């Protein structure tokens, strides 16, 4: 189908997206800060008969992101889909959030999205081929969550960037959308469970179980659930959709 870059694809949701896009027929550039994780996922795709290469790079470094995208074009022959998936979370009351906390989470979750968007769009515009840019938002980008205030702020920012970019890039036949997962059984939610439990005295797994009670569909989300929706956003069936940040969360947040 084309060439796709997936950032933060060494594990979790990113890994699920990379595997799904490869099954859809994309050649996948697997990016992660962890070179070993990126290589493992690229090898997994190759073993299943797909095409993938690992590209370790830090999305908070704009020069590194530009170099990554240019290398992907040279290696794989183009760029049709950019999935800006890399992200981090931190559990902390807003009154305790430090400047370093803010700097780190905004650099990854917001600046990283902007750098990926810029690098991908420049290539897509130069090539005149159009394309799909897909950003990682969250249900926390539609409803701010206590103890995740600064994380929520980054995801609200991703929604705004998605809308603005969709308007600016529409003349170039580039769509920009975002996916908003909920409670996903990944390392990030393991971290949230651990950090919230440390504050409340809850045992490991109890916070995740408590939050899971909010899910009308009755189960914790999987990376494959998210990847199935990203597959739609990256494919031709979503050609008339842009500027949207859509919940894929089992019904926790309904708008």
C-alpha atoms as a PDB file:
ATOM      1  CA  UNK A   1       0.000   0.000   0.000  1.00  0.00           C
ATOM      2  CA  UNK A   2       2.835   2.414   0.692  1.00  0.00           C
ATOM      3  CA  UNK A   3       5.476   3.399   3.226  1.00  0.00           C
ATOM      4  CA  UNK A   4       4.599   4.139   6.858  1.00  0.00           C
ATOM      5  CA  UNK A   5       6.657   5.500   9.734  1.00  0.00           C
ATOM      6  CA  UNK A   6       5.532   4.561  13.243  1.00  0.00           C
ATOM      7  CA  UNK A   7       7.287   6.296  16.138  1.00  0.00           C
ATOM      8  CA  UNK A   8       7.559   4.731  19.561  1.00  0.00           C
ATOM      9  CA  UNK A   9       6.975   1.373  17.891  1.00  0.00           C
ATOM     10  CA  UNK A  10       9.329  -0.764  19.953  1.00  0.00           C
ATOM     11  CA  UNK A  11       6.539  -1.890  22.285  1.00  0.00           C
ATOM     12  CA  UNK A  12       2.936  -1.345  23.321  1.00  0.00           C
ATOM     13  CA  UNK A  13       0.505   0.462  21.065  1.00  0.00           C
ATOM     14  CA  UNK A  14       3.248   1.448  18.627  1.00  0.00           C
ATOM     15  CA  UNK A  15       4.284  -2.158  18.142  1.00  0.00           C
ATOM     16  CA  UNK A  16       0.655  -3.121  17.532  1.00  0.00           C
ATOM     17  CA  UNK A  17       0.283  -0.364  14.944  1.00  0.00           C
ATOM     18  CA  UNK A  18       3.495  -1.321  13.153  1.00  0.00           C
ATOM     19  CA  UNK A  19       2.450  -4.970  12.956  1.00  0.00           C
ATOM     20  CA  UNK A  20      -1.020  -4.066  11.686  1.00  0.00           C
ATOM     21  CA  UNK A  21       0.198  -1.649   9.019  1.00  0.00           C
ATOM     22  CA  UNK A  22       2.664  -4.270   7.827  1.00  0.00           C
ATOM     23  CA  UNK A  23      -0.179  -6.787   7.531  1.00  0.00           C
ATOM     24  CA  UNK A  24      -2.091  -4.159   5.549  1.00  0.00           C
ATOM     25  CA  UNK A  25       0.758  -4.169   3.033  1.00  0.00           C
ATOM     26  CA  UNK A  26       2.786  -1.136   4.082  1.00  0.00           C
ATOM     27  CA  UNK A  27       6.552  -1.134   4.267  1.00  0.00           C
ATOM     28  CA  UNK A  28       7.052  -0.003   7.854  1.00  0.00           C
ATOM     29  CA  UNK A  29       9.807   2.151   9.315  1.00  0.00           C
ATOM     30  CA  UNK A  30       9.885   1.092  12.966  1.00  0.00           C
ATOM     31  CA  UNK A  31      11.134   3.970  15.102  1.00  0.00           C
ATOM     32  CA  UNK A  32      11.930   3.897  18.787  1.00  0.00           C
ATOM     33  CA  UNK A  33      14.382   5.526  21.158  1.00  0.00           C
ATOM     34  CA  UNK A  34      15.303   1.949  22.151  1.00  0.00           C
ATOM     35  CA  UNK A  35      17.250   0.528  19.206  1.00  0.00           C
ATOM     36  CA  UNK A  36      16.801  -3.029  20.448  1.00  0.00           C
ATOM     37  CA  UNK A  37      13.036  -2.684  20.667  1.00  0.00           C
ATOM     38  CA  UNK A  38      12.810  -1.200  17.184  1.00  0.00           C
ATOM     39  CA  UNK A  39      14.961  -3.968  15.722  1.00  0.00           C
ATOM     40  CA  UNK A  40      12.932  -6.677  17.444  1.00  0.00           C
ATOM     41  CA  UNK A  41       9.657  -5.377  15.978  1.00  0.00           C
ATOM     42  CA  UNK A  42      11.191  -4.958  12.509  1.00  0.00           C
ATOM     43  CA  UNK A  43      12.458  -8.540  12.718  1.00  0.00           C
ATOM     44  CA  UNK A  44       9.018  -9.717  13.832  1.00  0.00           C
ATOM     45  CA  UNK A  45       7.450  -8.078  10.788  1.00  0.00           C
ATOM     46  CA  UNK A  46      10.063  -9.571   8.497  1.00  0.00           C
ATOM     47  CA  UNK A  47       9.549 -13.038   9.948  1.00  0.00           C
ATOM     48  CA  UNK A  48       5.827 -12.735   9.164  1.00  0.00           C
ATOM     49  CA  UNK A  49       6.581 -11.902   5.531  1.00  0.00           C
ATOM     50  CA  UNK A  50       6.335  -8.122   5.731  1.00  0.00           C
ATOM     51  CA  UNK A  51       8.805  -5.357   4.942  1.00  0.00           C
ATOM     52  CA  UNK A  52      10.268  -3.324   7.772  1.00  0.00           C
ATOM     53  CA  UNK A  53      13.417  -1.574   8.910  1.00  0.00           C
ATOM     54  CA  UNK A  54      14.393  -0.249  12.329  1.00  0.00           C
ATOM     55  CA  UNK A  55      15.213   3.444  12.743  1.00  0.00           C
ATOM     56  CA  UNK A  56      16.351   4.404  16.260  1.00  0.00           C
ATOM     57  CA  UNK A  57      15.857   8.135  16.818  1.00  0.00           C
ATOM     58  CA  UNK A  58      14.709  10.604  19.473  1.00  0.00           C
ATOM     59  CA  UNK A  59      11.490  12.367  18.435  1.00  0.00           C
ATOM     60  CA  UNK A  60      12.333  15.327  20.689  1.00  0.00           C
ATOM     61  CA  UNK A  61      15.257  16.176  18.371  1.00  0.00           C
ATOM     62  CA  UNK A  62      13.937  17.888  15.216  1.00  0.00           C
ATOM     63  CA  UNK A  63      17.134  17.247  13.265  1.00  0.00           C
ATOM     64  CA  UNK A  64      16.975  13.560  14.138  1.00  0.00           C
ATOM     65  CA  UNK A  65      13.346  13.361  13.010  1.00  0.00           C
ATOM     66  CA  UNK A  66      14.143  15.068   9.699  1.00  0.00           C
ATOM     67  CA  UNK A  67      17.081  12.719   9.165  1.00  0.00           C
ATOM     68  CA  UNK A  68      14.873   9.741   9.995  1.00  0.00           C
ATOM     69  CA  UNK A  69      12.217  10.725   7.455  1.00  0.00           C
ATOM     70  CA  UNK A  70      14.775  11.458   4.741  1.00  0.00           C
ATOM     71  CA  UNK A  71      16.478   8.120   5.353  1.00  0.00           C
ATOM     72  CA  UNK A  72      13.157   6.293   5.144  1.00  0.00           C
ATOM     73  CA  UNK A  73      12.452   7.918   1.767  1.00  0.00           C
ATOM     74  CA  UNK A  74      15.895   6.878   0.517  1.00  0.00           C
ATOM     75  CA  UNK A  75      15.613   3.326   1.868  1.00  0.00           C
ATOM     76  CA  UNK A  76      11.966   2.504   1.200  1.00  0.00           C
ATOM     77  CA  UNK A  77      11.151   4.767  -1.721  1.00  0.00           C
ATOM     78  CA  UNK A  78       8.681   7.251  -0.272  1.00  0.00           C
ATOM     79  CA  UNK A  79       6.492   8.252   2.638  1.00  0.00           C
ATOM     80  CA  UNK A  80       2.725   7.837   2.635  1.00  0.00           C
ATOM     81  CA  UNK A  81       1.826   7.559   6.333  1.00  0.00           C
ATOM     82  CA  UNK A  82       3.336   9.127   9.441  1.00  0.00           C
ATOM     83  CA  UNK A  83       2.059   7.781  12.762  1.00  0.00           C
ATOM     84  CA  UNK A  84       3.356  10.049  15.536  1.00  0.00           C
ATOM     85  CA  UNK A  85       2.753   7.534  18.305  1.00  0.00           C
ATOM     86  CA  UNK A  86       5.662   8.097  20.722  1.00  0.00           C
ATOM     87  CA  UNK A  87       4.505   9.354  24.109  1.00  0.00           C
ATOM     88  CA  UNK A  88       5.071   9.234  27.852  1.00  0.00           C
ATOM     89  CA  UNK A  89       2.928   9.652  30.967  1.00  0.00           C
ATOM     90  CA  UNK A  90       3.497  10.718  34.552  1.00  0.00           C
ATOM     91  CA  UNK A  91       1.241  10.517  37.587  1.00  0.00           C
ATOM     92  CA  UNK A  92       1.536  13.641  39.750  1.00  0.00           C
ATOM     93  CA  UNK A  93      -0.747  16.252  41.312  1.00  0.00           C
ATOM     94  CA  UNK A  94      -0.537  19.560  39.494  1.00  0.00           C
ATOM     95  CA  UNK A  95       0.699  21.289  42.662  1.00  0.00           C
ATOM     96  CA  UNK A  96       3.763  19.014  42.604  1.00  0.00           C
ATOM     97  CA  UNK A  97       4.587  19.207  38.889  1.00  0.00           C
ATOM     98  CA  UNK A  98       8.031  20.715  38.311  1.00  0.00           C
ATOM     99  CA  UNK A  99       9.420  22.647  35.356  1.00  0.00           C
ATOM    100  CA  UNK A 100      11.480  19.572  34.453  1.00  0.00           C
ATOM    101  CA  UNK A 101       8.336  17.410  34.520  1.00  0.00           C
ATOM    102  CA  UNK A 102       6.560  19.808  32.183  1.00  0.00           C
ATOM    103  CA  UNK A 103       9.543  20.148  29.875  1.00  0.00           C
ATOM    104  CA  UNK A 104      10.006  16.406  29.491  1.00  0.00           C
ATOM    105  CA  UNK A 105       6.376  15.464  28.874  1.00  0.00           C
ATOM    106  CA  UNK A 106       5.738  18.345  26.469  1.00  0.00           C
ATOM    107  CA  UNK A 107       8.939  17.637  24.555  1.00  0.00           C
ATOM    108  CA  UNK A 108       7.864  14.065  23.847  1.00  0.00           C
ATOM    109  CA  UNK A 109       4.084  14.327  23.574  1.00  0.00           C
ATOM    110  CA  UNK A 110       3.758  17.729  21.864  1.00  0.00           C
ATOM    111  CA  UNK A 111       7.084  18.805  20.384  1.00  0.00           C
ATOM    112  CA  UNK A 112       7.667  15.287  19.073  1.00  0.00           C
ATOM    113  CA  UNK A 113       4.295  15.312  17.319  1.00  0.00           C
ATOM    114  CA  UNK A 114       5.069  18.693  15.737  1.00  0.00           C
ATOM    115  CA  UNK A 115       8.491  17.561  14.529  1.00  0.00           C
ATOM    116  CA  UNK A 116       7.058  14.380  12.992  1.00  0.00           C
ATOM    117  CA  UNK A 117       4.260  16.344  11.349  1.00  0.00           C
ATOM    118  CA  UNK A 118       6.672  18.909   9.929  1.00  0.00           C
ATOM    119  CA  UNK A 119       9.166  16.401   8.559  1.00  0.00           C
ATOM    120  CA  UNK A 120       6.495  14.172   7.018  1.00  0.00           C
ATOM    121  CA  UNK A 121       4.480  17.018   5.518  1.00  0.00           C
ATOM    122  CA  UNK A 122       7.524  18.587   3.887  1.00  0.00           C
ATOM    123  CA  UNK A 123       8.324  15.320   2.130  1.00  0.00           C
ATOM    124  CA  UNK A 124       4.715  14.717   1.127  1.00  0.00           C
ATOM    125  CA  UNK A 125       4.398  18.247  -0.257  1.00  0.00           C
ATOM    126  CA  UNK A 126       7.686  18.037  -2.152  1.00  0.00           C
ATOM    127  CA  UNK A 127       6.719  14.712  -3.677  1.00  0.00           C
ATOM    128  CA  UNK A 128       3.198  15.911  -4.485  1.00  0.00           C
ATOM    129  CA  UNK A 129       1.736  12.577  -3.454  1.00  0.00           C
ATOM    130  CA  UNK A 130      -0.495  13.592  -0.566  1.00  0.00           C
ATOM    131  CA  UNK A 131      -0.484  11.413   2.505  1.00  0.00           C
ATOM    132  CA  UNK A 132      -1.788  10.565   5.953  1.00  0.00           C
ATOM    133  CA  UNK A 133      -0.549  11.983   9.226  1.00  0.00           C
ATOM    134  CA  UNK A 134      -1.907  10.228  12.305  1.00  0.00           C
ATOM    135  CA  UNK A 135      -1.223  11.562  15.800  1.00  0.00           C
ATOM    136  CA  UNK A 136      -1.453   9.931  19.216  1.00  0.00           C
ATOM    137  CA  UNK A 137      -3.948  11.720  21.448  1.00  0.00           C
ATOM    138  CA  UNK A 138      -5.953  10.153  24.302  1.00  0.00           C
ATOM    139  CA  UNK A 139      -9.243  10.228  26.123  1.00  0.00           C
ATOM    140  CA  UNK A 140      -7.250  12.558  28.386  1.00  0.00           C
ATOM    141  CA  UNK A 141      -7.266  14.977  25.465  1.00  0.00           C
ATOM    142  CA  UNK A 142     -11.060  15.186  25.690  1.00  0.00           C
ATOM    143  CA  UNK A 143     -11.460  15.066  29.474  1.00  0.00           C
ATOM    144  CA  UNK A 144      -8.741  16.121  31.900  1.00  0.00           C
ATOM    145  CA  UNK A 145      -7.911  13.439  34.484  1.00  0.00           C
ATOM    146  CA  UNK A 146      -6.825  14.110  38.047  1.00  0.00           C
ATOM    147  CA  UNK A 147      -3.178  13.200  38.763  1.00  0.00           C
ATOM    148  CA  UNK A 148      -2.651  13.267  34.990  1.00  0.00           C
ATOM    149  CA  UNK A 149      -3.202  16.997  34.500  1.00  0.00           C
ATOM    150  CA  UNK A 150       0.013  17.779  32.635  1.00  0.00           C
ATOM    151  CA  UNK A 151      -0.343  14.617  30.550  1.00  0.00           C
ATOM    152  CA  UNK A 152      -3.916  15.634  29.737  1.00  0.00           C
ATOM    153  CA  UNK A 153      -2.678  19.086  28.702  1.00  0.00           C
ATOM    154  CA  UNK A 154      -0.288  17.541  26.174  1.00  0.00           C
ATOM    155  CA  UNK A 155      -3.096  15.513  24.634  1.00  0.00           C
ATOM    156  CA  UNK A 156      -5.419  18.525  24.416  1.00  0.00           C
ATOM    157  CA  UNK A 157      -2.518  20.187  22.569  1.00  0.00           C
ATOM    158  CA  UNK A 158      -2.322  17.282  20.122  1.00  0.00           C
ATOM    159  CA  UNK A 159      -6.019  17.754  19.319  1.00  0.00           C
ATOM    160  CA  UNK A 160      -5.427  21.443  18.548  1.00  0.00           C
ATOM    161  CA  UNK A 161      -2.387  20.666  16.403  1.00  0.00           C
ATOM    162  CA  UNK A 162      -4.347  18.005  14.546  1.00  0.00           C
ATOM    163  CA  UNK A 163      -7.129  20.443  13.696  1.00  0.00           C
ATOM    164  CA  UNK A 164      -4.780  23.261  12.639  1.00  0.00           C
ATOM    165  CA  UNK A 165      -2.580  20.977  10.543  1.00  0.00           C
ATOM    166  CA  UNK A 166      -5.615  19.440   8.851  1.00  0.00           C
ATOM    167  CA  UNK A 167      -6.662  22.899   7.668  1.00  0.00           C
ATOM    168  CA  UNK A 168      -3.177  23.924   6.566  1.00  0.00           C
ATOM    169  CA  UNK A 169      -2.331  20.702   4.753  1.00  0.00           C
ATOM    170  CA  UNK A 170      -5.673  19.959   3.077  1.00  0.00           C
ATOM    171  CA  UNK A 171      -4.648  21.779  -0.143  1.00  0.00           C
ATOM    172  CA  UNK A 172      -1.785  19.295  -0.442  1.00  0.00           C
ATOM    173  CA  UNK A 173      -4.101  16.274  -0.144  1.00  0.00           C
ATOM    174  CA  UNK A 174      -2.670  15.438   3.278  1.00  0.00           C
ATOM    175  CA  UNK A 175      -5.144  14.388   5.943  1.00  0.00           C
ATOM    176  CA  UNK A 176      -4.375  14.762   9.635  1.00  0.00           C
ATOM    177  CA  UNK A 177      -6.272  12.835  12.299  1.00  0.00           C
ATOM    178  CA  UNK A 178      -5.659  11.483  15.792  1.00  0.00           C
ATOM    179  CA  UNK A 179      -6.625   8.413  17.768  1.00  0.00           C
ATOM    180  CA  UNK A 180      -7.657   8.634  21.417  1.00  0.00           C
ATOM    181  CA  UNK A 181      -7.174   5.382  23.325  1.00  0.00           C
ATOM    182  CA  UNK A 182      -8.440   4.757  26.818  1.00  0.00           C
ATOM    183  CA  UNK A 183      -7.199   2.149  29.283  1.00  0.00           C
ATOM    184  CA  UNK A 184      -4.832  -0.075  27.329  1.00  0.00           C
ATOM    185  CA  UNK A 185      -3.019  -3.087  28.726  1.00  0.00           C
ATOM    186  CA  UNK A 186       0.494  -1.794  28.001  1.00  0.00           C
ATOM    187  CA  UNK A 187       3.624  -0.760  29.895  1.00  0.00           C
ATOM    188  CA  UNK A 188       2.330   2.807  30.119  1.00  0.00           C
ATOM    189  CA  UNK A 189      -0.756   1.731  32.031  1.00  0.00           C
ATOM    190  CA  UNK A 190       1.372  -0.550  34.194  1.00  0.00           C
ATOM    191  CA  UNK A 191       3.341   2.567  35.127  1.00  0.00           C
ATOM    192  CA  UNK A 192       0.180   4.582  35.803  1.00  0.00           C
ATOM    193  CA  UNK A 193      -1.184   1.748  37.947  1.00  0.00           C
ATOM    194  CA  UNK A 194       2.069   1.569  39.909  1.00  0.00           C
ATOM    195  CA  UNK A 195       2.389   5.325  40.453  1.00  0.00           C
ATOM    196  CA  UNK A 196      -1.246   5.831  41.432  1.00  0.00           C
ATOM    197  CA  UNK A 197      -1.079   2.813  43.727  1.00  0.00           C
ATOM    198  CA  UNK A 198       1.974   4.265  45.456  1.00  0.00           C
ATOM    199  CA  UNK A 199      -0.079   7.349  46.314  1.00  0.00           C
ATOM    200  CA  UNK A 200      -3.291   5.611  47.326  1.00  0.00           C
ATOM    201  CA  UNK A 201      -1.860   2.508  48.952  1.00  0.00           C
ATOM    202  CA  UNK A 202      -3.528   0.243  46.391  1.00  0.00           C
ATOM    203  CA  UNK A 203      -1.822  -3.021  45.516  1.00  0.00           C
ATOM    204  CA  UNK A 204      -0.468  -3.655  42.046  1.00  0.00           C
ATOM    205  CA  UNK A 205      -3.323  -4.056  39.594  1.00  0.00           C
ATOM    206  CA  UNK A 206      -6.003  -2.589  41.860  1.00  0.00           C
ATOM    207  CA  UNK A 207      -5.946   0.883  40.275  1.00  0.00           C
ATOM    208  CA  UNK A 208      -6.158  -0.585  36.794  1.00  0.00           C
ATOM    209  CA  UNK A 209      -9.081  -2.736  37.943  1.00  0.00           C
ATOM    210  CA  UNK A 210     -10.813   0.306  39.464  1.00  0.00           C
ATOM    211  CA  UNK A 211     -10.436   2.390  36.306  1.00  0.00           C
ATOM    212  CA  UNK A 212     -11.519  -0.552  34.170  1.00  0.00           C
ATOM    213  CA  UNK A 213     -14.938  -0.413  35.818  1.00  0.00           C
ATOM    214  CA  UNK A 214     -15.542   2.750  33.761  1.00  0.00           C
ATOM    215  CA  UNK A 215     -15.422   0.808  30.479  1.00  0.00           C
ATOM    216  CA  UNK A 216     -18.961   0.052  29.204  1.00  0.00           C
ATOM    217  CA  UNK A 217     -17.671  -2.692  26.910  1.00  0.00           C
ATOM    218  CA  UNK A 218     -16.371  -4.464  29.973  1.00  0.00           C
ATOM    219  CA  UNK A 219     -12.727  -5.185  29.197  1.00  0.00           C
ATOM    220  CA  UNK A 220      -9.347  -3.486  29.104  1.00  0.00           C
ATOM    221  CA  UNK A 221      -8.341  -2.309  25.656  1.00  0.00           C
ATOM    222  CA  UNK A 222      -5.591  -4.044  23.670  1.00  0.00           C
ATOM    223  CA  UNK A 223      -2.982  -2.565  21.361  1.00  0.00           C
ATOM    224  CA  UNK A 224      -4.712  -4.400  18.511  1.00  0.00           C
ATOM    225  CA  UNK A 225      -7.943  -2.497  19.237  1.00  0.00           C
ATOM    226  CA  UNK A 226      -6.094   0.766  18.690  1.00  0.00           C
ATOM    227  CA  UNK A 227      -4.136  -0.517  15.704  1.00  0.00           C
ATOM    228  CA  UNK A 228      -7.334  -1.518  13.903  1.00  0.00           C
ATOM    229  CA  UNK A 229      -8.536   2.080  14.014  1.00  0.00           C
ATOM    230  CA  UNK A 230      -5.156   3.465  12.980  1.00  0.00           C
ATOM    231  CA  UNK A 231      -5.303   1.072  10.025  1.00  0.00           C
ATOM    232  CA  UNK A 232      -8.492   2.851   8.953  1.00  0.00           C
ATOM    233  CA  UNK A 233      -6.957   6.309   9.418  1.00  0.00           C
ATOM    234  CA  UNK A 234      -3.914   5.241   7.390  1.00  0.00           C
ATOM    235  CA  UNK A 235      -5.945   3.687   4.584  1.00  0.00           C
ATOM    236  CA  UNK A 236      -8.061   4.906   1.664  1.00  0.00           C
ATOM    237  CA  UNK A 237     -11.411   4.480   3.428  1.00  0.00           C
ATOM    238  CA  UNK A 238     -10.626   7.571   5.543  1.00  0.00           C
ATOM    239  CA  UNK A 239      -9.750   9.813   2.591  1.00  0.00           C
ATOM    240  CA  UNK A 240     -12.636  12.205   3.339  1.00  0.00           C
ATOM    241  CA  UNK A 241     -11.851  12.446   7.048  1.00  0.00           C
ATOM    242  CA  UNK A 242      -9.505  15.067   8.464  1.00  0.00           C
ATOM    243  CA  UNK A 243      -9.021  17.146  11.608  1.00  0.00           C
ATOM    244  CA  UNK A 244     -10.644  14.540  13.850  1.00  0.00           C
ATOM    245  CA  UNK A 245      -9.448  13.166  17.201  1.00  0.00           C
ATOM    246  CA  UNK A 246     -11.591  10.091  17.696  1.00  0.00           C
ATOM    247  CA  UNK A 247     -12.157   8.098  20.864  1.00  0.00           C
ATOM    248  CA  UNK A 248     -11.355   4.394  20.650  1.00  0.00           C
ATOM    249  CA  UNK A 249     -11.788   3.586  24.333  1.00  0.00           C
ATOM    250  CA  UNK A 250     -14.632   1.122  24.868  1.00  0.00           C
ATOM    251  CA  UNK A 251     -17.035   3.937  25.724  1.00  0.00           C
ATOM    252  CA  UNK A 252     -15.357   5.662  28.697  1.00  0.00           C
ATOM    253  CA  UNK A 253     -15.676   9.154  27.219  1.00  0.00           C
ATOM    254  CA  UNK A 254     -18.647   9.823  24.967  1.00  0.00           C
ATOM    255  CA  UNK A 255     -19.042  13.101  23.081  1.00  0.00           C
END
